[in-house]
C-alpha cells in the first residue's frame, strides 16, 4: 500500500449540506446516542445485579446490549461531531477501523439473534430440558465463538477492502465508513471483493434469518398446541421482543445490501444504514423493557435504590 494511499482523508457527505438541518441532526443524534447509552447500560446493570435475571435468556440479552453499545460508539460520536463541521472528514486509519468494527459488530449481531431465537425455541419446545440444553457453559461457548469468528471474518473483509489505492474520489456517500460505499472509491478490479461481500451478506444475513424463521415456525407450532389462551399468550410474549428486533435489524440490513444498486440515491442508502446502525441500538432497550415484566421489575429496583 503506497504512502500516498495512507495519507488519504475521506470526506463523509452526510444527509444534508444545509446548516440549519445539520444543527437539527446534531441535536437528534446526540439525544439518540445518550438514550442508547442509558438504555443499554441500564439493561446491563439490571442483569448483573438482579439474581433472578441470571438465566440464559438474559445472559444473551446482556451480550446484545453490550454489542449495541459498541455498535453506536463506533459511528455516532463521529456523526455528531461532523454535524457541526463544515468539512466532514475522517482519517484513513479511522475509516479502516470503522469499517472493521462495523462489520464485526453487524455480523456478531446477526448470529447473536440466531442464538437468542434458538434459546426461545428450546425454552418453549423443551421446557423441562431447558436448563440442561442451554446451560451456562453452552451459552458462554456459543456467545464467545460468535464474537471470535465474526472478528476474524471482519478483519479479512477489511484487509481485502483496503488493499486497493483510492484515487477516484475521497467522498464517501454515507454518514460513516462502510464497506460498500468505500469500495466504490477503489481503483482496481473489485469483483472478488463484491463476491466476498455478497457471500458474507448471504451467509450472515439471509442464512441467519433462515435459521431464525425455522426456530419461530417450531415455536408457533408448539404454542398452538397449548390448550389455554392465557398459556399461549404468555409463551409467545417471551418471543415478541426478540421478533421485533429481528424484523427491524434484518429488514434494514437486507434492504441495504441485497437490493439492486440502481434506482436508489445515496441519501436513501444513508437513511437505511442509520436504521440498523443507529435505530435498532436505541430501540432495543425500549422494546425489551416495555415487553418484559422481569426486566421492568429489575429496572424499577435500580431506580428506587438510586432515589
C-alpha atoms as a PDB file:
ATOM      1  CA  UNK A   1       0.000   0.000   0.000  1.00  0.00           C
ATOM      2  CA  UNK A   2       1.612   3.287  -1.055  1.00  0.00           C
ATOM      3  CA  UNK A   3       2.356   6.218   1.241  1.00  0.00           C
ATOM      4  CA  UNK A   4       0.054   8.336  -0.886  1.00  0.00           C
ATOM      5  CA  UNK A   5      -2.855   5.985  -0.149  1.00  0.00           C
ATOM      6  CA  UNK A   6      -2.072   6.034   3.576  1.00  0.00           C
ATOM      7  CA  UNK A   7      -2.407   9.847   3.634  1.00  0.00           C
ATOM      8  CA  UNK A   8      -5.968   9.828   2.264  1.00  0.00           C
ATOM      9  CA  UNK A   9      -8.564  11.678   4.280  1.00  0.00           C
ATOM     10  CA  UNK A  10     -12.080  10.611   3.375  1.00  0.00           C
ATOM     11  CA  UNK A  11     -14.958  13.109   3.197  1.00  0.00           C
ATOM     12  CA  UNK A  12     -18.276  11.902   4.638  1.00  0.00           C
ATOM     13  CA  UNK A  13     -21.154  13.517   2.754  1.00  0.00           C
ATOM     14  CA  UNK A  14     -23.849  13.048   5.410  1.00  0.00           C
ATOM     15  CA  UNK A  15     -27.556  13.702   4.977  1.00  0.00           C
ATOM     16  CA  UNK A  16     -27.646  17.415   4.193  1.00  0.00           C
ATOM     17  CA  UNK A  17     -25.469  20.451   3.422  1.00  0.00           C
ATOM     18  CA  UNK A  18     -27.948  22.903   4.983  1.00  0.00           C
ATOM     19  CA  UNK A  19     -26.521  24.336   8.243  1.00  0.00           C
ATOM     20  CA  UNK A  20     -29.908  24.571   9.997  1.00  0.00           C
ATOM     21  CA  UNK A  21     -30.661  20.938   9.173  1.00  0.00           C
ATOM     22  CA  UNK A  22     -27.192  19.996  10.401  1.00  0.00           C
ATOM     23  CA  UNK A  23     -27.997  21.575  13.778  1.00  0.00           C
ATOM     24  CA  UNK A  24     -31.242  19.587  13.899  1.00  0.00           C
ATOM     25  CA  UNK A  25     -29.334  16.380  13.084  1.00  0.00           C
ATOM     26  CA  UNK A  26     -26.750  17.242  15.759  1.00  0.00           C
ATOM     27  CA  UNK A  27     -29.435  17.505  18.449  1.00  0.00           C
ATOM     28  CA  UNK A  28     -31.263  14.406  17.162  1.00  0.00           C
ATOM     29  CA  UNK A  29     -28.167  12.163  17.016  1.00  0.00           C
ATOM     30  CA  UNK A  30     -26.892  13.446  20.367  1.00  0.00           C
ATOM     31  CA  UNK A  31     -30.223  12.544  22.024  1.00  0.00           C
ATOM     32  CA  UNK A  32     -30.228   9.130  20.299  1.00  0.00           C
ATOM     33  CA  UNK A  33     -26.669   8.415  21.475  1.00  0.00           C
ATOM     34  CA  UNK A  34     -27.428   9.390  25.086  1.00  0.00           C
ATOM     35  CA  UNK A  35     -30.622   7.300  25.026  1.00  0.00           C
ATOM     36  CA  UNK A  36     -28.692   4.331  23.605  1.00  0.00           C
ATOM     37  CA  UNK A  37     -26.046   4.592  26.321  1.00  0.00           C
ATOM     38  CA  UNK A  38     -28.583   4.987  29.129  1.00  0.00           C
ATOM     39  CA  UNK A  39     -30.906   2.241  27.874  1.00  0.00           C
ATOM     40  CA  UNK A  40     -28.296  -0.430  27.230  1.00  0.00           C
ATOM     41  CA  UNK A  41     -26.225   0.351  30.331  1.00  0.00           C
ATOM     42  CA  UNK A  42     -29.428   0.137  32.422  1.00  0.00           C
ATOM     43  CA  UNK A  43     -30.174  -3.323  30.990  1.00  0.00           C
ATOM     44  CA  UNK A  44     -26.595  -4.490  31.659  1.00  0.00           C
ATOM     45  CA  UNK A  45     -26.697  -3.201  35.248  1.00  0.00           C
ATOM     46  CA  UNK A  46     -30.124  -4.794  35.832  1.00  0.00           C
ATOM     47  CA  UNK A  47     -28.953  -8.177  34.503  1.00  0.00           C
ATOM     48  CA  UNK A  48     -25.704  -8.100  36.505  1.00  0.00           C
ATOM     49  CA  UNK A  49     -27.269  -7.021  39.826  1.00  0.00           C
ATOM     50  CA  UNK A  50     -30.549  -8.975  39.853  1.00  0.00           C
ATOM     51  CA  UNK A  51     -30.063 -12.676  40.611  1.00  0.00           C
ATOM     52  CA  UNK A  52     -33.461 -13.505  39.067  1.00  0.00           C
ATOM     53  CA  UNK A  53     -32.055 -12.436  35.703  1.00  0.00           C
ATOM     54  CA  UNK A  54     -29.046 -14.770  35.822  1.00  0.00           C
ATOM     55  CA  UNK A  55     -30.582 -17.059  33.194  1.00  0.00           C
ATOM     56  CA  UNK A  56     -29.540 -17.958  29.609  1.00  0.00           C
ATOM     57  CA  UNK A  57     -32.095 -15.592  28.038  1.00  0.00           C
ATOM     58  CA  UNK A  58     -30.830 -12.564  29.981  1.00  0.00           C
ATOM     59  CA  UNK A  59     -27.198 -13.571  29.543  1.00  0.00           C
ATOM     60  CA  UNK A  60     -27.739 -13.371  25.766  1.00  0.00           C
ATOM     61  CA  UNK A  61     -29.681 -10.120  26.153  1.00  0.00           C
ATOM     62  CA  UNK A  62     -26.727  -8.713  28.092  1.00  0.00           C
ATOM     63  CA  UNK A  63     -24.439  -9.664  25.199  1.00  0.00           C
ATOM     64  CA  UNK A  64     -26.825  -7.902  22.795  1.00  0.00           C
ATOM     65  CA  UNK A  65     -26.866  -4.730  24.931  1.00  0.00           C
ATOM     66  CA  UNK A  66     -23.056  -4.708  25.125  1.00  0.00           C
ATOM     67  CA  UNK A  67     -22.935  -5.178  21.361  1.00  0.00           C
ATOM     68  CA  UNK A  68     -25.313  -2.251  20.780  1.00  0.00           C
ATOM     69  CA  UNK A  69     -23.178  -0.010  22.991  1.00  0.00           C
ATOM     70  CA  UNK A  70     -20.108  -0.877  20.914  1.00  0.00           C
ATOM     71  CA  UNK A  71     -22.022  -0.552  17.633  1.00  0.00           C
ATOM     72  CA  UNK A  72     -23.209   3.010  18.261  1.00  0.00           C
ATOM     73  CA  UNK A  73     -19.922   4.121  19.849  1.00  0.00           C
ATOM     74  CA  UNK A  74     -18.140   3.321  16.577  1.00  0.00           C
ATOM     75  CA  UNK A  75     -20.404   5.575  14.485  1.00  0.00           C
ATOM     76  CA  UNK A  76     -22.441   8.106  16.481  1.00  0.00           C
ATOM     77  CA  UNK A  77     -19.693  10.200  18.177  1.00  0.00           C
ATOM     78  CA  UNK A  78     -18.138  10.916  14.778  1.00  0.00           C
ATOM     79  CA  UNK A  79     -21.556  11.581  13.196  1.00  0.00           C
ATOM     80  CA  UNK A  80     -22.438  14.028  15.999  1.00  0.00           C
ATOM     81  CA  UNK A  81     -19.103  15.850  15.673  1.00  0.00           C
ATOM     82  CA  UNK A  82     -19.414  16.085  11.877  1.00  0.00           C
ATOM     83  CA  UNK A  83     -22.864  17.661  12.099  1.00  0.00           C
ATOM     84  CA  UNK A  84     -21.296  20.965  13.175  1.00  0.00           C
ATOM     85  CA  UNK A  85     -18.263  20.831  10.886  1.00  0.00           C
ATOM     86  CA  UNK A  86     -18.058  22.495   7.503  1.00  0.00           C
ATOM     87  CA  UNK A  87     -15.638  19.830   6.288  1.00  0.00           C
ATOM     88  CA  UNK A  88     -16.801  16.396   7.471  1.00  0.00           C
ATOM     89  CA  UNK A  89     -13.690  14.228   7.243  1.00  0.00           C
ATOM     90  CA  UNK A  90     -12.325  11.013   8.699  1.00  0.00           C
ATOM     91  CA  UNK A  91      -8.693   9.866   8.543  1.00  0.00           C
ATOM     92  CA  UNK A  92      -7.646   6.835   6.528  1.00  0.00           C
ATOM     93  CA  UNK A  93      -6.882   4.846   9.698  1.00  0.00           C
ATOM     94  CA  UNK A  94     -10.164   5.985  11.269  1.00  0.00           C
ATOM     95  CA  UNK A  95     -12.041   4.767   8.210  1.00  0.00           C
ATOM     96  CA  UNK A  96     -10.254   1.387   8.308  1.00  0.00           C
ATOM     97  CA  UNK A  97     -11.126   0.917  11.981  1.00  0.00           C
ATOM     98  CA  UNK A  98     -14.728   1.989  11.419  1.00  0.00           C
ATOM     99  CA  UNK A  99     -15.199  -0.468   8.542  1.00  0.00           C
ATOM    100  CA  UNK A 100     -13.592  -3.254  10.565  1.00  0.00           C
ATOM    101  CA  UNK A 101     -15.604  -2.756  13.759  1.00  0.00           C
ATOM    102  CA  UNK A 102     -18.897  -2.108  11.955  1.00  0.00           C
ATOM    103  CA  UNK A 103     -18.514  -5.375  10.061  1.00  0.00           C
ATOM    104  CA  UNK A 104     -17.525  -7.131  13.277  1.00  0.00           C
ATOM    105  CA  UNK A 105     -20.500  -5.867  15.307  1.00  0.00           C
ATOM    106  CA  UNK A 106     -23.043  -6.281  12.485  1.00  0.00           C
ATOM    107  CA  UNK A 107     -22.076  -9.912  11.793  1.00  0.00           C
ATOM    108  CA  UNK A 108     -21.937 -10.666  15.535  1.00  0.00           C
ATOM    109  CA  UNK A 109     -25.456  -9.302  15.969  1.00  0.00           C
ATOM    110  CA  UNK A 110     -26.695 -11.494  13.102  1.00  0.00           C
ATOM    111  CA  UNK A 111     -25.520 -14.660  14.857  1.00  0.00           C
ATOM    112  CA  UNK A 112     -26.420 -13.463  18.340  1.00  0.00           C
ATOM    113  CA  UNK A 113     -30.029 -13.035  17.219  1.00  0.00           C
ATOM    114  CA  UNK A 114     -29.916 -16.611  15.891  1.00  0.00           C
ATOM    115  CA  UNK A 115     -28.694 -17.908  19.277  1.00  0.00           C
ATOM    116  CA  UNK A 116     -31.451 -15.940  21.015  1.00  0.00           C
ATOM    117  CA  UNK A 117     -34.025 -17.481  18.670  1.00  0.00           C
ATOM    118  CA  UNK A 118     -32.633 -20.950  19.450  1.00  0.00           C
ATOM    119  CA  UNK A 119     -32.847 -20.155  23.170  1.00  0.00           C
ATOM    120  CA  UNK A 120     -36.559 -19.295  22.841  1.00  0.00           C
ATOM    121  CA  UNK A 121     -37.124 -22.452  20.742  1.00  0.00           C
ATOM    122  CA  UNK A 122     -35.599 -24.652  23.458  1.00  0.00           C
ATOM    123  CA  UNK A 123     -37.477 -22.810  26.245  1.00  0.00           C
ATOM    124  CA  UNK A 124     -40.888 -23.311  24.583  1.00  0.00           C
ATOM    125  CA  UNK A 125     -40.443 -26.661  22.834  1.00  0.00           C
ATOM    126  CA  UNK A 126     -38.341 -28.407  25.526  1.00  0.00           C
ATOM    127  CA  UNK A 127     -39.140 -26.577  28.794  1.00  0.00           C
ATOM    128  CA  UNK A 128     -38.178 -29.475  31.098  1.00  0.00           C
ATOM    129  CA  UNK A 129     -34.739 -29.868  29.488  1.00  0.00           C
ATOM    130  CA  UNK A 130     -34.117 -26.154  29.031  1.00  0.00           C
ATOM    131  CA  UNK A 131     -31.501 -25.662  31.775  1.00  0.00           C
ATOM    132  CA  UNK A 132     -29.604 -28.739  30.561  1.00  0.00           C
ATOM    133  CA  UNK A 133     -29.582 -27.837  26.851  1.00  0.00           C
ATOM    134  CA  UNK A 134     -28.970 -24.110  27.460  1.00  0.00           C
ATOM    135  CA  UNK A 135     -26.605 -24.421  30.400  1.00  0.00           C
ATOM    136  CA  UNK A 136     -24.306 -21.562  31.416  1.00  0.00           C
ATOM    137  CA  UNK A 137     -21.342 -23.293  29.753  1.00  0.00           C
ATOM    138  CA  UNK A 138     -23.246 -23.721  26.471  1.00  0.00           C
ATOM    139  CA  UNK A 139     -24.330 -20.058  26.469  1.00  0.00           C
ATOM    140  CA  UNK A 140     -20.809 -18.803  27.157  1.00  0.00           C
ATOM    141  CA  UNK A 141     -19.341 -21.047  24.447  1.00  0.00           C
ATOM    142  CA  UNK A 142     -21.946 -20.005  21.848  1.00  0.00           C
ATOM    143  CA  UNK A 143     -21.524 -16.303  22.577  1.00  0.00           C
ATOM    144  CA  UNK A 144     -17.709 -16.493  22.705  1.00  0.00           C
ATOM    145  CA  UNK A 145     -17.464 -18.401  19.421  1.00  0.00           C
ATOM    146  CA  UNK A 146     -19.745 -15.833  17.773  1.00  0.00           C
ATOM    147  CA  UNK A 147     -17.583 -12.886  18.877  1.00  0.00           C
ATOM    148  CA  UNK A 148     -14.305 -14.579  17.877  1.00  0.00           C
ATOM    149  CA  UNK A 149     -15.416 -15.944  14.472  1.00  0.00           C
ATOM    150  CA  UNK A 150     -17.067 -12.649  13.464  1.00  0.00           C
ATOM    151  CA  UNK A 151     -13.976 -10.667  14.479  1.00  0.00           C
ATOM    152  CA  UNK A 152     -11.692 -12.697  12.192  1.00  0.00           C
ATOM    153  CA  UNK A 153     -14.264 -12.515   9.386  1.00  0.00           C
ATOM    154  CA  UNK A 154     -14.361  -8.729   9.713  1.00  0.00           C
ATOM    155  CA  UNK A 155     -10.550  -8.426   9.680  1.00  0.00           C
ATOM    156  CA  UNK A 156     -10.468 -10.470   6.440  1.00  0.00           C
ATOM    157  CA  UNK A 157     -13.144  -8.324   4.752  1.00  0.00           C
ATOM    158  CA  UNK A 158     -11.399  -5.107   5.837  1.00  0.00           C
ATOM    159  CA  UNK A 159      -7.997  -6.281   4.598  1.00  0.00           C
ATOM    160  CA  UNK A 160      -9.472  -7.117   1.166  1.00  0.00           C
ATOM    161  CA  UNK A 161     -11.275  -3.754   1.010  1.00  0.00           C
ATOM    162  CA  UNK A 162      -8.244  -1.572   1.766  1.00  0.00           C
ATOM    163  CA  UNK A 163      -5.706  -3.428  -0.412  1.00  0.00           C
ATOM    164  CA  UNK A 164      -6.549  -1.039  -3.284  1.00  0.00           C
ATOM    165  CA  UNK A 165      -5.334   2.520  -3.841  1.00  0.00           C
ATOM    166  CA  UNK A 166      -8.137   5.100  -3.582  1.00  0.00           C
ATOM    167  CA  UNK A 167      -7.796   7.542  -6.470  1.00  0.00           C
ATOM    168  CA  UNK A 168     -11.320   8.001  -7.866  1.00  0.00           C
ATOM    169  CA  UNK A 169     -12.703  10.247  -5.157  1.00  0.00           C
ATOM    170  CA  UNK A 170     -12.421  10.978  -1.448  1.00  0.00           C
ATOM    171  CA  UNK A 171     -16.174  11.401  -0.961  1.00  0.00           C
ATOM    172  CA  UNK A 172     -17.883   8.537   0.905  1.00  0.00           C
ATOM    173  CA  UNK A 173     -21.617   8.510   0.155  1.00  0.00           C
ATOM    174  CA  UNK A 174     -22.584   7.815   3.762  1.00  0.00           C
ATOM    175  CA  UNK A 175     -22.569   9.171   7.321  1.00  0.00           C
ATOM    176  CA  UNK A 176     -19.695   6.838   8.194  1.00  0.00           C
ATOM    177  CA  UNK A 177     -17.237   4.471   6.518  1.00  0.00           C
ATOM    178  CA  UNK A 178     -18.807   1.198   5.423  1.00  0.00           C
ATOM    179  CA  UNK A 179     -17.500  -1.466   3.044  1.00  0.00           C
ATOM    180  CA  UNK A 180     -19.894  -0.867   0.150  1.00  0.00           C
ATOM    181  CA  UNK A 181     -19.516   2.933  -0.266  1.00  0.00           C
ATOM    182  CA  UNK A 182     -15.743   2.784   0.415  1.00  0.00           C
ATOM    183  CA  UNK A 183     -15.255   0.011  -2.156  1.00  0.00           C
ATOM    184  CA  UNK A 184     -16.820   2.244  -4.824  1.00  0.00           C
ATOM    185  CA  UNK A 185     -13.849   4.631  -4.466  1.00  0.00           C
ATOM    186  CA  UNK A 186     -11.195   1.946  -5.006  1.00  0.00           C
ATOM    187  CA  UNK A 187      -9.073   1.859  -8.155  1.00  0.00           C
ATOM    188  CA  UNK A 188      -8.778  -1.705  -9.382  1.00  0.00           C
ATOM    189  CA  UNK A 189     -10.784  -4.813 -10.096  1.00  0.00           C
ATOM    190  CA  UNK A 190     -13.156  -5.161  -7.147  1.00  0.00           C
ATOM    191  CA  UNK A 191     -15.140  -8.130  -8.488  1.00  0.00           C
ATOM    192  CA  UNK A 192     -13.601 -10.549  -5.975  1.00  0.00           C
ATOM    193  CA  UNK A 193     -14.457  -8.107  -3.172  1.00  0.00           C
ATOM    194  CA  UNK A 194     -18.052  -7.857  -4.360  1.00  0.00           C
ATOM    195  CA  UNK A 195     -18.329 -11.650  -4.495  1.00  0.00           C
ATOM    196  CA  UNK A 196     -16.872 -11.951  -0.972  1.00  0.00           C
ATOM    197  CA  UNK A 197     -19.208  -9.251   0.326  1.00  0.00           C
ATOM    198  CA  UNK A 198     -22.283 -10.813  -1.310  1.00  0.00           C
ATOM    199  CA  UNK A 199     -21.317 -14.248   0.046  1.00  0.00           C
ATOM    200  CA  UNK A 200     -20.834 -12.835   3.545  1.00  0.00           C
ATOM    201  CA  UNK A 201     -24.153 -10.978   3.460  1.00  0.00           C
ATOM    202  CA  UNK A 202     -25.949 -14.074   2.194  1.00  0.00           C
ATOM    203  CA  UNK A 203     -24.386 -16.206   4.921  1.00  0.00           C
ATOM    204  CA  UNK A 204     -24.690 -13.750   7.814  1.00  0.00           C
ATOM    205  CA  UNK A 205     -27.996 -12.079   6.918  1.00  0.00           C
ATOM    206  CA  UNK A 206     -30.057 -14.461   4.742  1.00  0.00           C
ATOM    207  CA  UNK A 207     -28.612 -17.643   6.280  1.00  0.00           C
ATOM    208  CA  UNK A 208     -29.014 -16.386   9.837  1.00  0.00           C
ATOM    209  CA  UNK A 209     -32.531 -15.139   9.137  1.00  0.00           C
ATOM    210  CA  UNK A 210     -33.429 -18.568   7.708  1.00  0.00           C
ATOM    211  CA  UNK A 211     -32.481 -20.259  10.997  1.00  0.00           C
ATOM    212  CA  UNK A 212     -34.438 -17.631  12.952  1.00  0.00           C
ATOM    213  CA  UNK A 213     -37.539 -18.285  10.829  1.00  0.00           C
ATOM    214  CA  UNK A 214     -37.185 -22.082  11.225  1.00  0.00           C
ATOM    215  CA  UNK A 215     -36.975 -21.617  15.007  1.00  0.00           C
ATOM    216  CA  UNK A 216     -40.120 -19.497  15.015  1.00  0.00           C
ATOM    217  CA  UNK A 217     -42.046 -21.979  12.869  1.00  0.00           C
ATOM    218  CA  UNK A 218     -41.396 -24.648  15.521  1.00  0.00           C
ATOM    219  CA  UNK A 219     -42.203 -22.129  18.288  1.00  0.00           C
ATOM    220  CA  UNK A 220     -45.557 -21.223  16.695  1.00  0.00           C
ATOM    221  CA  UNK A 221     -46.461 -24.895  16.224  1.00  0.00           C
ATOM    222  CA  UNK A 222     -45.613 -25.578  19.887  1.00  0.00           C
ATOM    223  CA  UNK A 223     -47.569 -22.539  21.114  1.00  0.00           C
ATOM    224  CA  UNK A 224     -50.671 -23.561  19.124  1.00  0.00           C
ATOM    225  CA  UNK A 225     -50.700 -26.892  20.992  1.00  0.00           C
ATOM    226  CA  UNK A 226     -51.070 -25.114  24.348  1.00  0.00           C
ATOM    227  CA  UNK A 227     -54.750 -25.549  25.336  1.00  0.00           C
ATOM    228  CA  UNK A 228     -55.371 -22.258  27.170  1.00  0.00           C
ATOM    229  CA  UNK A 229     -55.350 -18.832  25.520  1.00  0.00           C
ATOM    230  CA  UNK A 230     -53.536 -17.385  28.545  1.00  0.00           C
ATOM    231  CA  UNK A 231     -50.796 -20.006  28.204  1.00  0.00           C
ATOM    232  CA  UNK A 232     -50.357 -19.224  24.505  1.00  0.00           C
ATOM    233  CA  UNK A 233     -50.152 -15.500  25.194  1.00  0.00           C
ATOM    234  CA  UNK A 234     -47.594 -15.990  27.968  1.00  0.00           C
ATOM    235  CA  UNK A 235     -45.438 -18.303  25.815  1.00  0.00           C
ATOM    236  CA  UNK A 236     -45.429 -16.005  22.819  1.00  0.00           C
ATOM    237  CA  UNK A 237     -44.832 -12.853  24.922  1.00  0.00           C
ATOM    238  CA  UNK A 238     -41.344 -14.178  25.726  1.00  0.00           C
ATOM    239  CA  UNK A 239     -40.546 -14.100  21.980  1.00  0.00           C
ATOM    240  CA  UNK A 240     -42.259 -10.881  20.870  1.00  0.00           C
ATOM    241  CA  UNK A 241     -39.382  -8.550  21.850  1.00  0.00           C
ATOM    242  CA  UNK A 242     -36.797 -10.660  20.050  1.00  0.00           C
ATOM    243  CA  UNK A 243     -39.007 -10.986  16.976  1.00  0.00           C
ATOM    244  CA  UNK A 244     -39.485  -7.196  16.787  1.00  0.00           C
ATOM    245  CA  UNK A 245     -35.708  -6.621  16.942  1.00  0.00           C
ATOM    246  CA  UNK A 246     -35.130  -9.294  14.266  1.00  0.00           C
ATOM    247  CA  UNK A 247     -37.576  -7.621  11.863  1.00  0.00           C
ATOM    248  CA  UNK A 248     -36.003  -4.174  12.358  1.00  0.00           C
ATOM    249  CA  UNK A 249     -32.375  -5.287  12.080  1.00  0.00           C
ATOM    250  CA  UNK A 250     -32.575  -7.882   9.300  1.00  0.00           C
ATOM    251  CA  UNK A 251     -35.095  -5.831   7.322  1.00  0.00           C
ATOM    252  CA  UNK A 252     -32.780  -2.811   7.101  1.00  0.00           C
ATOM    253  CA  UNK A 253     -29.662  -4.947   6.538  1.00  0.00           C
ATOM    254  CA  UNK A 254     -31.181  -6.966   3.678  1.00  0.00           C
ATOM    255  CA  UNK A 255     -32.661  -3.862   2.037  1.00  0.00           C
ATOM    256  CA  UNK A 256     -29.254  -2.164   2.204  1.00  0.00           C
ATOM    257  CA  UNK A 257     -27.153  -4.983   0.730  1.00  0.00           C
ATOM    258  CA  UNK A 258     -29.407  -7.349  -1.200  1.00  0.00           C
ATOM    259  CA  UNK A 259     -31.332  -4.915  -3.413  1.00  0.00           C
ATOM    260  CA  UNK A 260     -30.296  -3.670  -6.909  1.00  0.00           C
ATOM    261  CA  UNK A 261     -27.835  -0.767  -6.682  1.00  0.00           C
ATOM    262  CA  UNK A 262     -29.613   1.275  -9.362  1.00  0.00           C
ATOM    263  CA  UNK A 263     -32.774   3.228  -8.679  1.00  0.00           C
ATOM    264  CA  UNK A 264     -31.866   4.424  -5.172  1.00  0.00           C
ATOM    265  CA  UNK A 265     -29.991   7.605  -4.228  1.00  0.00           C
ATOM    266  CA  UNK A 266     -27.080   7.761  -1.816  1.00  0.00           C
ATOM    267  CA  UNK A 267     -29.363   9.643   0.619  1.00  0.00           C
ATOM    268  CA  UNK A 268     -31.690   6.621   0.749  1.00  0.00           C
ATOM    269  CA  UNK A 269     -28.673   4.372   1.429  1.00  0.00           C
ATOM    270  CA  UNK A 270     -27.559   6.684   4.243  1.00  0.00           C
ATOM    271  CA  UNK A 271     -31.004   6.687   5.841  1.00  0.00           C
ATOM    272  CA  UNK A 272     -31.315   2.891   5.671  1.00  0.00           C
ATOM    273  CA  UNK A 273     -27.825   2.412   7.138  1.00  0.00           C
ATOM    274  CA  UNK A 274     -28.849   4.705  10.018  1.00  0.00           C
ATOM    275  CA  UNK A 275     -31.783   2.369  10.822  1.00  0.00           C
ATOM    276  CA  UNK A 276     -29.692  -0.735  11.516  1.00  0.00           C
ATOM    277  CA  UNK A 277     -26.591   1.018  12.922  1.00  0.00           C
ATOM    278  CA  UNK A 278     -28.327   3.704  14.999  1.00  0.00           C
ATOM    279  CA  UNK A 279     -32.062   2.930  15.108  1.00  0.00           C
ATOM    280  CA  UNK A 280     -32.034  -0.646  16.420  1.00  0.00           C
ATOM    281  CA  UNK A 281     -29.481   0.007  19.229  1.00  0.00           C
ATOM    282  CA  UNK A 282     -31.658   2.789  20.673  1.00  0.00           C
ATOM    283  CA  UNK A 283     -34.921   0.857  20.189  1.00  0.00           C
ATOM    284  CA  UNK A 284     -33.725  -2.477  21.629  1.00  0.00           C
ATOM    285  CA  UNK A 285     -33.761  -1.364  25.300  1.00  0.00           C
ATOM    286  CA  UNK A 286     -37.200   0.224  24.820  1.00  0.00           C
ATOM    287  CA  UNK A 287     -38.613  -2.882  23.139  1.00  0.00           C
ATOM    288  CA  UNK A 288     -37.259  -5.276  25.790  1.00  0.00           C
ATOM    289  CA  UNK A 289     -38.088  -3.106  28.804  1.00  0.00           C
ATOM    290  CA  UNK A 290     -41.665  -2.462  27.643  1.00  0.00           C
ATOM    291  CA  UNK A 291     -42.452  -6.106  26.895  1.00  0.00           C
ATOM    292  CA  UNK A 292     -40.582  -7.876  29.698  1.00  0.00           C
ATOM    293  CA  UNK A 293     -42.070  -7.818  33.204  1.00  0.00           C
ATOM    294  CA  UNK A 294     -38.986  -9.266  34.930  1.00  0.00           C
ATOM    295  CA  UNK A 295     -36.692  -6.698  33.324  1.00  0.00           C
ATOM    296  CA  UNK A 296     -39.094  -3.869  34.152  1.00  0.00           C
ATOM    297  CA  UNK A 297     -39.142  -5.046  37.773  1.00  0.00           C
ATOM    298  CA  UNK A 298     -35.337  -5.101  37.925  1.00  0.00           C
ATOM    299  CA  UNK A 299     -35.125  -1.599  36.419  1.00  0.00           C
ATOM    300  CA  UNK A 300     -37.657  -0.304  38.967  1.00  0.00           C
ATOM    301  CA  UNK A 301     -35.484  -1.702  41.785  1.00  0.00           C
ATOM    302  CA  UNK A 302     -32.454   0.130  40.382  1.00  0.00           C
ATOM    303  CA  UNK A 303     -34.383   3.412  40.154  1.00  0.00           C
ATOM    304  CA  UNK A 304     -35.723   3.034  43.700  1.00  0.00           C
ATOM    305  CA  UNK A 305     -32.190   2.378  45.012  1.00  0.00           C
ATOM    306  CA  UNK A 306     -30.920   5.487  43.231  1.00  0.00           C
ATOM    307  CA  UNK A 307     -33.698   7.560  44.788  1.00  0.00           C
END
